[in-house]
C-alpha atoms as a PDB file:
ATOM      1  CA  MET A   1       0.096   6.445 -15.251  1.00  0.00           C
ATOM      2  CA  THR A   2      -3.313   8.012 -14.931  1.00  0.00           C
ATOM      3  CA  PRO A   3      -4.956   8.495 -11.527  1.00  0.00           C
ATOM      4  CA  ASP A   4      -7.490   5.780 -12.415  1.00  0.00           C
ATOM      5  CA  GLU A   5      -4.736   3.319 -13.300  1.00  0.00           C
ATOM      6  CA  GLU A   6      -2.920   4.122 -10.077  1.00  0.00           C
ATOM      7  CA  ALA A   7      -6.105   3.571  -8.080  1.00  0.00           C
ATOM      8  CA  ARG A   8      -6.677   0.208  -9.798  1.00  0.00           C
ATOM      9  CA  HIS A   9      -3.114  -0.911  -9.052  1.00  0.00           C
ATOM     10  CA  LEU A  10      -3.451   0.132  -5.423  1.00  0.00           C
ATOM     11  CA  ALA A  11      -6.773  -1.719  -5.132  1.00  0.00           C
ATOM     12  CA  VAL A  12      -5.110  -4.894  -6.401  1.00  0.00           C
ATOM     13  CA  ALA A  13      -2.230  -4.323  -3.975  1.00  0.00           C
ATOM     14  CA  GLU A  14      -4.705  -3.967  -1.114  1.00  0.00           C
ATOM     15  CA  VAL A  15      -6.266  -7.343  -1.893  1.00  0.00           C
ATOM     16  CA  GLU A  16      -2.830  -8.969  -2.172  1.00  0.00           C
ATOM     17  CA  LEU A  17      -1.669  -7.467   1.125  1.00  0.00           C
ATOM     18  CA  ARG A  18      -4.871  -8.523   2.890  1.00  0.00           C
ATOM     19  CA  ASP A  19      -4.305 -12.069   1.604  1.00  0.00           C
ATOM     20  CA  GLU A  20      -0.664 -11.980   2.693  1.00  0.00           C
ATOM     21  CA  PHE A  21      -1.517 -10.617   6.158  1.00  0.00           C
ATOM     22  CA  PRO A  22      -4.904 -12.136   7.073  1.00  0.00           C
ATOM     23  CA  GLN A  23      -4.311 -11.362  10.755  1.00  0.00           C
ATOM     24  CA  VAL A  24      -4.302  -7.616  10.007  1.00  0.00           C
ATOM     25  CA  PRO A  25      -7.757  -6.029   9.779  1.00  0.00           C
ATOM     26  CA  ALA A  26      -8.704  -4.849   6.290  1.00  0.00           C
ATOM     27  CA  TYR A  27      -9.162  -1.279   7.526  1.00  0.00           C
ATOM     28  CA  ALA A  28      -5.576  -1.258   8.837  1.00  0.00           C
ATOM     29  CA  VAL A  29      -4.187  -2.382   5.475  1.00  0.00           C
ATOM     30  CA  ARG A  30      -6.285   0.249   3.697  1.00  0.00           C
ATOM     31  CA  GLU A  31      -5.164   2.945   6.131  1.00  0.00           C
ATOM     32  CA  ALA A  32      -1.493   1.990   5.756  1.00  0.00           C
ATOM     33  CA  ILE A  33      -1.788   2.188   1.966  1.00  0.00           C
ATOM     34  CA  GLU A  34      -3.375   5.624   2.189  1.00  0.00           C
ATOM     35  CA  VAL A  35      -0.753   6.962   4.608  1.00  0.00           C
ATOM     36  CA  VAL A  36       2.116   5.755   2.433  1.00  0.00           C
ATOM     37  CA  ARG A  37       0.428   6.877  -0.791  1.00  0.00           C
ATOM     38  CA  LYS A  38       0.063  10.409   0.572  1.00  0.00           C
ATOM     39  CA  ALA A  39       3.820  10.578   1.048  1.00  0.00           C
ATOM     40  CA  PHE A  40       4.116  10.274  -2.737  1.00  0.00           C
ATOM     41  CA  ASP A  41       1.635  13.073  -3.507  1.00  0.00           C
ATOM     42  CA  PRO A  42       4.412  15.476  -4.566  1.00  0.00           C
ATOM     43  CA  ALA A  43       5.825  12.953  -7.061  1.00  0.00           C
ATOM     44  CA  LYS A  44       5.425  14.098 -10.645  1.00  0.00           C
ATOM     45  CA  ILE A  45       6.244  10.700 -12.131  1.00  0.00           C
ATOM     46  CA  ARG A  46       3.603   8.275 -10.854  1.00  0.00           C
ATOM     47  CA  ASP A  47       4.484   5.062 -12.718  1.00  0.00           C
ATOM     48  CA  TYR A  48       6.160   3.382  -9.761  1.00  0.00           C
ATOM     49  CA  VAL A  49       4.005   4.760  -6.955  1.00  0.00           C
ATOM     50  CA  PRO A  50       1.840   1.612  -6.577  1.00  0.00           C
ATOM     51  CA  LEU A  51       4.931  -0.600  -6.448  1.00  0.00           C
ATOM     52  CA  LEU A  52       6.691   1.642  -3.924  1.00  0.00           C
ATOM     53  CA  VAL A  53       3.571   1.941  -1.782  1.00  0.00           C
ATOM     54  CA  THR A  54       3.079  -1.830  -1.793  1.00  0.00           C
ATOM     55  CA  ARG A  55       6.686  -2.492  -0.786  1.00  0.00           C
ATOM     56  CA  ASP A  56       6.581   0.081   1.996  1.00  0.00           C
ATOM     57  CA  VAL A  57       3.278  -1.179   3.400  1.00  0.00           C
ATOM     58  CA  ARG A  58       4.466  -4.792   3.234  1.00  0.00           C
ATOM     59  CA  TYR A  59       7.621  -3.818   5.150  1.00  0.00           C
ATOM     60  CA  ARG A  60       5.594  -1.918   7.756  1.00  0.00           C
ATOM     61  CA  LEU A  61       3.142  -4.775   8.240  1.00  0.00           C
ATOM     62  CA  ARG A  62       5.890  -7.377   8.550  1.00  0.00           C
ATOM     63  CA  HIS A  63       7.831  -5.369  11.081  1.00  0.00           C
ATOM     64  CA  HIS A  64       4.745  -4.371  13.018  1.00  0.00           C
ATOM     65  CA  LEU A  65       3.783  -8.029  13.381  1.00  0.00           C
ATOM     66  CA  VAL A  66       7.301  -9.009  14.431  1.00  0.00           C
ATOM     67  CA  ASP A  67       7.793  -6.051  16.799  1.00  0.00           C
ATOM     68  CA  GLY A  68       4.210  -5.686  17.927  1.00  0.00           C
END
């Protein structure tokens, strides 16, 4: 996956997550995606990074809303 493709996938994921969690400010969703994405910076194989980032952010948002 090229960096441009990864960025496009993450942009789509951001929109989906904002729709799924309308009570979370857009900047918070964006920030969560960026924090999680940075954890994958060392990964050499990037094909699944958008999927893994999306799952992790979704988990964090769900649990933050339940715990928070």
